[in-house]
Amino acid sequence: MTETKYSFELFPPKTEQGAEKLKLAVKRLAEKKPEYFSVTFGAGGSTQEGTFETVQMVVEETGIEAAPHLSCITSSRDRIRDQLARYREAGVKRIVALRGDLPATANSSSAPGDLHYANELVTFIREEHGDHFELEVGAYPEMHPQAPDIDSDFDNFRRKVEAGADAAITQYFFNIDAFDDFMERCERAGITIPVIPGIMPIVNFEQIVRFSGACGADIPRWLYYGMERYKDDNEALRDFGHEVVTRLCGKLIERGVPSIHFYTLNQSKPTLKLVEALGLG
């Protein structure tokens, strides 16, 4: 059986204290030798500078590859061109190419910026840099929350693949049937790029409910009530969540997924516990 690879997602810290905590978390996570770290950005690209600095920190502290998230909403071609040149000069070889969050009052066709969709960003990067960057895009097994319907959402995904994406990372999910259905749709459509499941550790009841509502991730009733039972006992909640997510990851590994992408929330302990329980590191 092929060994399952794994990677970790980080976000740029907003304070000096957060930066120090992140540096410590990265060192601990790096001990497991992930394939790479990815680094997100803020809404509207507001922390793109923080993304670059965090990418630099990861590489300098660990020597492990770091992949910045790059969004196109609100950006001009010139700005994106400058960002790509900066990343290339810094030795970046992998980019997570995303549309990014829409401004509250905009739809994708009226949003500010030269590029409105992730497939346009992938096309632009390929035109500018050929195959220099390995490009990963987003995938939504349970449908993007702003998509009009599931077929339109899958069409959007297919366009990203056709534009030149090398792989996809999914939004996190707790219902493995949704992932199975998505993979079956990929097979029917002739899509063969690696689809990497995104996994979110469960560490806080209110947080996971809020995140899931915003990104469209379904929380099955049994899971919701199970988490609610322990919402005032952080240790019990984390133990329960660890069991649930470990079981989910085990099923994904049985299905032969090429890799797992852990959304660490800049914390090392919950993710390391999962990696160790799964025998990955």
C-alpha atoms as a PDB file:
ATOM      1  CA  MET A   1       0.000   0.000   0.000  1.00  0.00           C
ATOM      2  CA  THR A   2       1.325   3.456  -0.941  1.00  0.00           C
ATOM      3  CA  GLU A   3       2.131   5.628   2.052  1.00  0.00           C
ATOM      4  CA  THR A   4      -0.346   8.481   2.458  1.00  0.00           C
ATOM      5  CA  LYS A   5       1.268  11.906   2.252  1.00  0.00           C
ATOM      6  CA  TYR A   6       0.066  14.857   4.296  1.00  0.00           C
ATOM      7  CA  SER A   7       0.413  18.623   4.506  1.00  0.00           C
ATOM      8  CA  PHE A   8      -0.519  21.380   6.944  1.00  0.00           C
ATOM      9  CA  GLU A   9      -2.350  24.684   6.445  1.00  0.00           C
ATOM     10  CA  LEU A  10      -1.429  27.828   8.376  1.00  0.00           C
ATOM     11  CA  PHE A  11      -2.722  31.397   8.383  1.00  0.00           C
ATOM     12  CA  PRO A  12      -0.665  34.595   8.779  1.00  0.00           C
ATOM     13  CA  PRO A  13      -0.598  35.800  12.407  1.00  0.00           C
ATOM     14  CA  LYS A  14      -2.008  39.229  13.201  1.00  0.00           C
ATOM     15  CA  THR A  15       0.106  40.038  16.278  1.00  0.00           C
ATOM     16  CA  GLU A  16       3.693  39.578  17.442  1.00  0.00           C
ATOM     17  CA  GLN A  17       2.466  37.148  20.079  1.00  0.00           C
ATOM     18  CA  GLY A  18       0.634  35.191  17.411  1.00  0.00           C
ATOM     19  CA  ALA A  19       3.790  35.140  15.292  1.00  0.00           C
ATOM     20  CA  GLU A  20       5.832  33.651  18.131  1.00  0.00           C
ATOM     21  CA  LYS A  21       3.181  31.026  18.842  1.00  0.00           C
ATOM     22  CA  LEU A  22       3.009  30.144  15.149  1.00  0.00           C
ATOM     23  CA  LYS A  23       6.783  29.772  14.892  1.00  0.00           C
ATOM     24  CA  LEU A  24       6.716  27.284  17.779  1.00  0.00           C
ATOM     25  CA  ALA A  25       3.773  25.387  16.250  1.00  0.00           C
ATOM     26  CA  VAL A  26       5.533  25.205  12.884  1.00  0.00           C
ATOM     27  CA  LYS A  27       8.670  23.758  14.464  1.00  0.00           C
ATOM     28  CA  ARG A  28       6.613  21.048  16.164  1.00  0.00           C
ATOM     29  CA  LEU A  29       4.623  20.268  13.028  1.00  0.00           C
ATOM     30  CA  ALA A  30       7.784  20.193  10.919  1.00  0.00           C
ATOM     31  CA  GLU A  31       9.146  17.334  13.044  1.00  0.00           C
ATOM     32  CA  LYS A  32       6.593  15.111  11.264  1.00  0.00           C
ATOM     33  CA  LYS A  33       8.135  16.039   7.914  1.00  0.00           C
ATOM     34  CA  PRO A  34       4.983  17.029   5.998  1.00  0.00           C
ATOM     35  CA  GLU A  35       5.089  17.257   2.225  1.00  0.00           C
ATOM     36  CA  TYR A  36       4.561  21.031   2.506  1.00  0.00           C
ATOM     37  CA  PHE A  37       2.840  23.804   4.447  1.00  0.00           C
ATOM     38  CA  SER A  38       0.224  26.021   2.811  1.00  0.00           C
ATOM     39  CA  VAL A  39      -0.387  29.597   3.954  1.00  0.00           C
ATOM     40  CA  THR A  40      -3.731  31.353   3.572  1.00  0.00           C
ATOM     41  CA  PHE A  41      -4.574  35.010   3.070  1.00  0.00           C
ATOM     42  CA  GLY A  42      -7.210  37.310   4.556  1.00  0.00           C
ATOM     43  CA  ALA A  43     -10.480  38.398   2.986  1.00  0.00           C
ATOM     44  CA  GLY A  44      -9.879  40.378  -0.181  1.00  0.00           C
ATOM     45  CA  GLY A  45      -6.172  39.606  -0.023  1.00  0.00           C
ATOM     46  CA  SER A  46      -5.819  41.872   3.010  1.00  0.00           C
ATOM     47  CA  THR A  47      -2.998  39.833   4.506  1.00  0.00           C
ATOM     48  CA  GLN A  48      -1.133  38.904   1.310  1.00  0.00           C
ATOM     49  CA  GLU A  49       1.987  40.536   2.761  1.00  0.00           C
ATOM     50  CA  GLY A  50       1.539  38.403   5.848  1.00  0.00           C
ATOM     51  CA  THR A  51       1.249  35.373   3.576  1.00  0.00           C
ATOM     52  CA  PHE A  52       4.633  36.115   2.009  1.00  0.00           C
ATOM     53  CA  GLU A  53       6.284  36.672   5.396  1.00  0.00           C
ATOM     54  CA  THR A  54       4.824  33.439   6.778  1.00  0.00           C
ATOM     55  CA  VAL A  55       5.993  31.485   3.729  1.00  0.00           C
ATOM     56  CA  GLN A  56       9.486  32.877   4.268  1.00  0.00           C
ATOM     57  CA  MET A  57       9.392  31.995   7.971  1.00  0.00           C
ATOM     58  CA  VAL A  58       8.357  28.404   7.289  1.00  0.00           C
ATOM     59  CA  VAL A  59      11.135  27.835   4.767  1.00  0.00           C
ATOM     60  CA  GLU A  60      13.785  29.534   6.910  1.00  0.00           C
ATOM     61  CA  GLU A  61      12.783  27.728  10.114  1.00  0.00           C
ATOM     62  CA  THR A  62      12.158  24.263   8.683  1.00  0.00           C
ATOM     63  CA  GLY A  63      13.541  23.945   5.163  1.00  0.00           C
ATOM     64  CA  ILE A  64      10.167  22.488   4.153  1.00  0.00           C
ATOM     65  CA  GLU A  65       8.335  23.744   1.076  1.00  0.00           C
ATOM     66  CA  ALA A  66       5.652  26.371   1.645  1.00  0.00           C
ATOM     67  CA  ALA A  67       2.764  27.065  -0.740  1.00  0.00           C
ATOM     68  CA  PRO A  68       1.079  30.476  -0.586  1.00  0.00           C
ATOM     69  CA  HIS A  69      -2.616  30.835  -1.278  1.00  0.00           C
ATOM     70  CA  LEU A  70      -3.115  33.360  -4.067  1.00  0.00           C
ATOM     71  CA  SER A  71      -6.486  34.979  -4.784  1.00  0.00           C
ATOM     72  CA  CYS A  72      -7.594  36.991  -7.785  1.00  0.00           C
ATOM     73  CA  ILE A  73     -10.696  38.830  -6.536  1.00  0.00           C
ATOM     74  CA  THR A  74     -10.032  42.599  -6.213  1.00  0.00           C
ATOM     75  CA  SER A  75      -6.570  42.223  -7.818  1.00  0.00           C
ATOM     76  CA  SER A  76      -5.309  43.513 -11.147  1.00  0.00           C
ATOM     77  CA  ARG A  77      -3.258  41.420 -13.532  1.00  0.00           C
ATOM     78  CA  ASP A  78      -0.262  43.635 -12.765  1.00  0.00           C
ATOM     79  CA  ARG A  79      -0.573  43.046  -9.039  1.00  0.00           C
ATOM     80  CA  ILE A  80      -0.899  39.295  -9.492  1.00  0.00           C
ATOM     81  CA  ARG A  81       2.040  39.354 -11.910  1.00  0.00           C
ATOM     82  CA  ASP A  82       4.155  41.124  -9.283  1.00  0.00           C
ATOM     83  CA  GLN A  83       3.137  38.618  -6.594  1.00  0.00           C
ATOM     84  CA  LEU A  84       4.004  35.682  -8.825  1.00  0.00           C
ATOM     85  CA  ALA A  85       7.398  37.173  -9.686  1.00  0.00           C
ATOM     86  CA  ARG A  86       8.103  37.737  -5.999  1.00  0.00           C
ATOM     87  CA  TYR A  87       7.190  34.166  -5.103  1.00  0.00           C
ATOM     88  CA  ARG A  88       9.223  32.746  -7.968  1.00  0.00           C
ATOM     89  CA  GLU A  89      12.254  34.792  -6.940  1.00  0.00           C
ATOM     90  CA  ALA A  90      11.816  33.481  -3.368  1.00  0.00           C
ATOM     91  CA  GLY A  91      11.990  29.905  -4.631  1.00  0.00           C
ATOM     92  CA  VAL A  92       8.293  29.042  -4.307  1.00  0.00           C
ATOM     93  CA  LYS A  93       7.325  26.129  -6.538  1.00  0.00           C
ATOM     94  CA  ARG A  94       3.739  25.472  -5.416  1.00  0.00           C
ATOM     95  CA  ILE A  95       0.726  27.805  -5.262  1.00  0.00           C
ATOM     96  CA  VAL A  96      -2.850  27.291  -4.112  1.00  0.00           C
ATOM     97  CA  ALA A  97      -4.833  29.293  -6.693  1.00  0.00           C
ATOM     98  CA  LEU A  98      -8.227  30.518  -5.474  1.00  0.00           C
ATOM     99  CA  ARG A  99     -10.851  33.052  -6.393  1.00  0.00           C
ATOM    100  CA  GLY A 100     -10.905  34.451  -2.866  1.00  0.00           C
ATOM    101  CA  ASP A 101     -13.735  35.884  -0.812  1.00  0.00           C
ATOM    102  CA  LEU A 102     -16.129  38.192  -2.618  1.00  0.00           C
ATOM    103  CA  PRO A 103     -16.740  41.669  -1.198  1.00  0.00           C
ATOM    104  CA  ALA A 104     -20.010  41.656   0.744  1.00  0.00           C
ATOM    105  CA  THR A 105     -21.921  43.669  -1.872  1.00  0.00           C
ATOM    106  CA  ALA A 106     -20.526  42.011  -5.014  1.00  0.00           C
ATOM    107  CA  ASN A 107     -21.180  38.957  -7.141  1.00  0.00           C
ATOM    108  CA  SER A 108     -18.371  37.309  -9.092  1.00  0.00           C
ATOM    109  CA  SER A 109     -19.187  39.035 -12.377  1.00  0.00           C
ATOM    110  CA  SER A 110     -19.295  42.519 -10.834  1.00  0.00           C
ATOM    111  CA  ALA A 111     -16.500  42.150  -8.271  1.00  0.00           C
ATOM    112  CA  PRO A 112     -13.546  44.526  -8.617  1.00  0.00           C
ATOM    113  CA  GLY A 113     -10.447  43.120 -10.245  1.00  0.00           C
ATOM    114  CA  ASP A 114      -9.335  41.884 -13.649  1.00  0.00           C
ATOM    115  CA  LEU A 115      -9.932  38.185 -12.940  1.00  0.00           C
ATOM    116  CA  HIS A 116     -13.208  36.961 -11.459  1.00  0.00           C
ATOM    117  CA  TYR A 117     -12.824  33.191 -11.243  1.00  0.00           C
ATOM    118  CA  ALA A 118     -10.163  30.748 -10.107  1.00  0.00           C
ATOM    119  CA  ASN A 119      -9.978  29.134 -13.559  1.00  0.00           C
ATOM    120  CA  GLU A 120      -9.015  32.550 -14.975  1.00  0.00           C
ATOM    121  CA  LEU A 121      -6.274  32.818 -12.348  1.00  0.00           C
ATOM    122  CA  VAL A 122      -4.949  29.349 -13.234  1.00  0.00           C
ATOM    123  CA  THR A 123      -4.943  30.286 -16.931  1.00  0.00           C
ATOM    124  CA  PHE A 124      -3.110  33.541 -16.178  1.00  0.00           C
ATOM    125  CA  ILE A 125      -0.427  31.788 -14.099  1.00  0.00           C
ATOM    126  CA  ARG A 126       0.120  29.211 -16.834  1.00  0.00           C
ATOM    127  CA  GLU A 127       0.406  31.954 -19.465  1.00  0.00           C
ATOM    128  CA  GLU A 128       2.928  33.864 -17.362  1.00  0.00           C
ATOM    129  CA  HIS A 129       5.010  31.017 -15.919  1.00  0.00           C
ATOM    130  CA  GLY A 130       4.217  27.834 -17.839  1.00  0.00           C
ATOM    131  CA  ASP A 131       4.747  24.776 -15.662  1.00  0.00           C
ATOM    132  CA  HIS A 132       7.073  26.432 -13.148  1.00  0.00           C
ATOM    133  CA  PHE A 133       4.439  26.361 -10.389  1.00  0.00           C
ATOM    134  CA  GLU A 134       2.522  23.314  -9.237  1.00  0.00           C
ATOM    135  CA  LEU A 135      -1.020  24.653  -8.963  1.00  0.00           C
ATOM    136  CA  GLU A 136      -3.613  23.387  -6.524  1.00  0.00           C
ATOM    137  CA  VAL A 137      -7.201  24.601  -6.587  1.00  0.00           C
ATOM    138  CA  GLY A 138     -10.194  24.319  -4.276  1.00  0.00           C
ATOM    139  CA  ALA A 139     -12.880  21.633  -4.492  1.00  0.00           C
ATOM    140  CA  TYR A 140     -16.223  21.474  -2.689  1.00  0.00           C
ATOM    141  CA  PRO A 141     -17.638  17.974  -2.131  1.00  0.00           C
ATOM    142  CA  GLU A 142     -20.760  19.533  -0.570  1.00  0.00           C
ATOM    143  CA  MET A 143     -20.996  22.490  -2.996  1.00  0.00           C
ATOM    144  CA  HIS A 144     -19.578  25.977  -2.645  1.00  0.00           C
ATOM    145  CA  PRO A 145     -21.965  28.035  -0.478  1.00  0.00           C
ATOM    146  CA  GLN A 146     -22.317  30.682  -3.210  1.00  0.00           C
ATOM    147  CA  ALA A 147     -22.919  28.258  -6.075  1.00  0.00           C
ATOM    148  CA  PRO A 148     -26.461  28.274  -7.516  1.00  0.00           C
ATOM    149  CA  ASP A 149     -26.612  24.460  -7.664  1.00  0.00           C
ATOM    150  CA  ILE A 150     -24.369  21.420  -7.444  1.00  0.00           C
ATOM    151  CA  ASP A 151     -24.028  20.961 -11.214  1.00  0.00           C
ATOM    152  CA  SER A 152     -22.883  24.559 -11.699  1.00  0.00           C
ATOM    153  CA  ASP A 153     -20.432  24.142  -8.864  1.00  0.00           C
ATOM    154  CA  PHE A 154     -18.938  21.019 -10.430  1.00  0.00           C
ATOM    155  CA  ASP A 155     -18.716  22.787 -13.794  1.00  0.00           C
ATOM    156  CA  ASN A 156     -16.664  25.491 -12.069  1.00  0.00           C
ATOM    157  CA  PHE A 157     -14.342  22.826 -10.709  1.00  0.00           C
ATOM    158  CA  ARG A 158     -13.950  21.208 -14.119  1.00  0.00           C
ATOM    159  CA  ARG A 159     -13.006  24.563 -15.645  1.00  0.00           C
ATOM    160  CA  LYS A 160     -10.194  24.917 -13.103  1.00  0.00           C
ATOM    161  CA  VAL A 161      -8.908  21.477 -14.010  1.00  0.00           C
ATOM    162  CA  GLU A 162      -9.090  22.220 -17.742  1.00  0.00           C
ATOM    163  CA  ALA A 163      -7.224  25.513 -17.172  1.00  0.00           C
ATOM    164  CA  GLY A 164      -4.227  23.589 -15.878  1.00  0.00           C
ATOM    165  CA  ALA A 165      -4.629  22.698 -12.192  1.00  0.00           C
ATOM    166  CA  ASP A 166      -2.282  19.942 -11.022  1.00  0.00           C
ATOM    167  CA  ALA A 167      -4.301  18.911  -7.955  1.00  0.00           C
ATOM    168  CA  ALA A 168      -7.230  19.990  -5.792  1.00  0.00           C
ATOM    169  CA  ILE A 169      -7.685  20.412  -2.047  1.00  0.00           C
ATOM    170  CA  THR A 170     -11.213  20.044  -0.730  1.00  0.00           C
ATOM    171  CA  GLN A 171     -13.093  22.120   1.752  1.00  0.00           C
ATOM    172  CA  TYR A 172     -13.253  20.177   4.984  1.00  0.00           C
ATOM    173  CA  PHE A 173     -16.144  17.765   5.459  1.00  0.00           C
ATOM    174  CA  PHE A 174     -17.385  15.292   8.041  1.00  0.00           C
ATOM    175  CA  ASN A 175     -19.663  13.252   5.774  1.00  0.00           C
ATOM    176  CA  ILE A 176     -17.541  10.797   3.812  1.00  0.00           C
ATOM    177  CA  ASP A 177     -20.460  10.020   1.493  1.00  0.00           C
ATOM    178  CA  ALA A 178     -20.122  13.555   0.122  1.00  0.00           C
ATOM    179  CA  PHE A 179     -16.466  12.904  -0.721  1.00  0.00           C
ATOM    180  CA  ASP A 180     -17.305   9.563  -2.319  1.00  0.00           C
ATOM    181  CA  ASP A 181     -20.002  11.190  -4.448  1.00  0.00           C
ATOM    182  CA  PHE A 182     -17.608  13.945  -5.533  1.00  0.00           C
ATOM    183  CA  MET A 183     -14.986  11.406  -6.565  1.00  0.00           C
ATOM    184  CA  GLU A 184     -17.582   9.461  -8.546  1.00  0.00           C
ATOM    185  CA  ARG A 185     -18.526  12.663 -10.379  1.00  0.00           C
ATOM    186  CA  CYS A 186     -14.841  13.252 -11.138  1.00  0.00           C
ATOM    187  CA  GLU A 187     -14.546   9.747 -12.555  1.00  0.00           C
ATOM    188  CA  ARG A 188     -17.600  10.211 -14.769  1.00  0.00           C
ATOM    189  CA  ALA A 189     -16.201  13.516 -16.015  1.00  0.00           C
ATOM    190  CA  GLY A 190     -12.797  12.013 -16.790  1.00  0.00           C
ATOM    191  CA  ILE A 191     -11.058  14.160 -14.157  1.00  0.00           C
ATOM    192  CA  THR A 192      -7.935  12.380 -12.967  1.00  0.00           C
ATOM    193  CA  ILE A 193      -5.932  14.989 -11.040  1.00  0.00           C
ATOM    194  CA  PRO A 194      -5.291  14.131  -7.371  1.00  0.00           C
ATOM    195  CA  VAL A 195      -8.100  15.291  -5.093  1.00  0.00           C
ATOM    196  CA  ILE A 196      -6.740  15.836  -1.578  1.00  0.00           C
ATOM    197  CA  PRO A 197      -9.272  15.818   1.264  1.00  0.00           C
ATOM    198  CA  GLY A 198      -9.081  18.774   3.629  1.00  0.00           C
ATOM    199  CA  ILE A 199      -9.462  17.788   7.272  1.00  0.00           C
ATOM    200  CA  MET A 200     -10.435  20.067  10.153  1.00  0.00           C
ATOM    201  CA  PRO A 201      -9.633  18.965  13.722  1.00  0.00           C
ATOM    202  CA  ILE A 202     -12.518  19.535  16.153  1.00  0.00           C
ATOM    203  CA  VAL A 203     -11.319  21.688  19.035  1.00  0.00           C
ATOM    204  CA  ASN A 204     -14.150  24.131  19.771  1.00  0.00           C
ATOM    205  CA  PHE A 205     -17.915  23.662  19.370  1.00  0.00           C
ATOM    206  CA  GLU A 206     -18.909  27.264  18.584  1.00  0.00           C
ATOM    207  CA  GLN A 207     -15.964  27.688  16.235  1.00  0.00           C
ATOM    208  CA  ILE A 208     -16.686  24.596  14.153  1.00  0.00           C
ATOM    209  CA  VAL A 209     -20.375  25.493  13.899  1.00  0.00           C
ATOM    210  CA  ARG A 210     -19.493  29.031  12.773  1.00  0.00           C
ATOM    211  CA  PHE A 211     -16.886  27.889  10.260  1.00  0.00           C
ATOM    212  CA  SER A 212     -19.183  25.233   8.838  1.00  0.00           C
ATOM    213  CA  GLY A 213     -22.049  27.687   8.414  1.00  0.00           C
ATOM    214  CA  ALA A 214     -19.782  30.070   6.505  1.00  0.00           C
ATOM    215  CA  CYS A 215     -18.162  27.530   4.175  1.00  0.00           C
ATOM    216  CA  GLY A 216     -21.120  25.206   3.603  1.00  0.00           C
ATOM    217  CA  ALA A 217     -19.673  22.155   5.374  1.00  0.00           C
ATOM    218  CA  ASP A 218     -22.443  19.889   6.642  1.00  0.00           C
ATOM    219  CA  ILE A 219     -22.378  18.844  10.291  1.00  0.00           C
ATOM    220  CA  PRO A 220     -24.397  15.617  10.558  1.00  0.00           C
ATOM    221  CA  ARG A 221     -26.982  15.669  13.338  1.00  0.00           C
ATOM    222  CA  TRP A 222     -25.241  12.922  15.305  1.00  0.00           C
ATOM    223  CA  LEU A 223     -22.007  14.905  15.224  1.00  0.00           C
ATOM    224  CA  TYR A 224     -23.676  18.205  16.125  1.00  0.00           C
ATOM    225  CA  TYR A 225     -25.401  16.737  19.165  1.00  0.00           C
ATOM    226  CA  GLY A 226     -22.276  14.822  20.125  1.00  0.00           C
ATOM    227  CA  MET A 227     -20.217  18.025  20.111  1.00  0.00           C
ATOM    228  CA  GLU A 228     -22.958  19.982  21.861  1.00  0.00           C
ATOM    229  CA  ARG A 229     -22.936  17.450  24.691  1.00  0.00           C
ATOM    230  CA  TYR A 230     -19.320  18.362  25.445  1.00  0.00           C
ATOM    231  CA  LYS A 231     -19.326  22.050  24.534  1.00  0.00           C
ATOM    232  CA  ASP A 232     -18.610  23.117  28.133  1.00  0.00           C
ATOM    233  CA  ASP A 233     -15.838  20.535  28.600  1.00  0.00           C
ATOM    234  CA  ASN A 234     -12.986  21.351  26.233  1.00  0.00           C
ATOM    235  CA  GLU A 235     -10.969  18.230  27.022  1.00  0.00           C
ATOM    236  CA  ALA A 236     -13.936  15.896  26.489  1.00  0.00           C
ATOM    237  CA  LEU A 237     -14.884  17.735  23.282  1.00  0.00           C
ATOM    238  CA  ARG A 238     -11.366  17.379  21.894  1.00  0.00           C
ATOM    239  CA  ASP A 239     -11.271  13.683  22.763  1.00  0.00           C
ATOM    240  CA  PHE A 240     -14.633  13.130  21.081  1.00  0.00           C
ATOM    241  CA  GLY A 241     -13.610  15.185  18.048  1.00  0.00           C
ATOM    242  CA  HIS A 242     -10.301  13.357  17.797  1.00  0.00           C
ATOM    243  CA  GLU A 243     -12.068   9.998  17.644  1.00  0.00           C
ATOM    244  CA  VAL A 244     -14.499  11.245  14.976  1.00  0.00           C
ATOM    245  CA  VAL A 245     -11.833  12.791  12.748  1.00  0.00           C
ATOM    246  CA  THR A 246      -9.403   9.891  13.183  1.00  0.00           C
ATOM    247  CA  ARG A 247     -12.130   7.493  12.024  1.00  0.00           C
ATOM    248  CA  LEU A 248     -12.884   9.738   9.027  1.00  0.00           C
ATOM    249  CA  CYS A 249      -9.218   9.912   8.046  1.00  0.00           C
ATOM    250  CA  GLY A 250      -8.880   6.155   8.414  1.00  0.00           C
ATOM    251  CA  LYS A 251     -11.706   5.643   5.933  1.00  0.00           C
ATOM    252  CA  LEU A 252     -10.075   8.075   3.501  1.00  0.00           C
ATOM    253  CA  ILE A 253      -6.762   6.253   3.741  1.00  0.00           C
ATOM    254  CA  GLU A 254      -8.583   2.973   3.064  1.00  0.00           C
ATOM    255  CA  ARG A 255      -9.939   4.587  -0.101  1.00  0.00           C
ATOM    256  CA  GLY A 256      -6.399   5.312  -1.225  1.00  0.00           C
ATOM    257  CA  VAL A 257      -6.429   9.121  -1.142  1.00  0.00           C
ATOM    258  CA  PRO A 258      -3.060  10.476  -2.322  1.00  0.00           C
ATOM    259  CA  SER A 259      -2.657  12.877   0.587  1.00  0.00           C
ATOM    260  CA  ILE A 260      -4.479  14.590   3.453  1.00  0.00           C
ATOM    261  CA  HIS A 261      -4.385  18.350   4.040  1.00  0.00           C
ATOM    262  CA  PHE A 262      -4.857  19.295   7.708  1.00  0.00           C
ATOM    263  CA  TYR A 263      -6.305  22.700   8.597  1.00  0.00           C
ATOM    264  CA  THR A 264      -4.231  23.300  11.730  1.00  0.00           C
ATOM    265  CA  LEU A 265      -5.679  26.683  12.782  1.00  0.00           C
ATOM    266  CA  ASN A 266      -2.074  27.487  13.759  1.00  0.00           C
ATOM    267  CA  GLN A 267      -2.170  24.887  16.532  1.00  0.00           C
ATOM    268  CA  SER A 268       0.150  21.902  16.563  1.00  0.00           C
ATOM    269  CA  LYS A 269      -1.275  19.601  19.244  1.00  0.00           C
ATOM    270  CA  PRO A 270      -4.650  18.508  17.718  1.00  0.00           C
ATOM    271  CA  THR A 271      -3.118  17.872  14.289  1.00  0.00           C
ATOM    272  CA  LEU A 272      -0.068  16.058  15.644  1.00  0.00           C
ATOM    273  CA  LYS A 273      -2.365  13.818  17.688  1.00  0.00           C
ATOM    274  CA  LEU A 274      -4.226  12.903  14.487  1.00  0.00           C
ATOM    275  CA  VAL A 275      -1.051  12.279  12.488  1.00  0.00           C
ATOM    276  CA  GLU A 276       0.308  10.016  15.220  1.00  0.00           C
ATOM    277  CA  ALA A 277      -2.984   8.145  15.677  1.00  0.00           C
ATOM    278  CA  LEU A 278      -3.058   7.443  11.924  1.00  0.00           C
ATOM    279  CA  GLY A 279       0.554   6.273  11.889  1.00  0.00           C
ATOM    280  CA  LEU A 280       1.466   8.884   9.281  1.00  0.00           C
ATOM    281  CA  GLY A 281       4.488  10.442  10.920  1.00  0.00           C
END
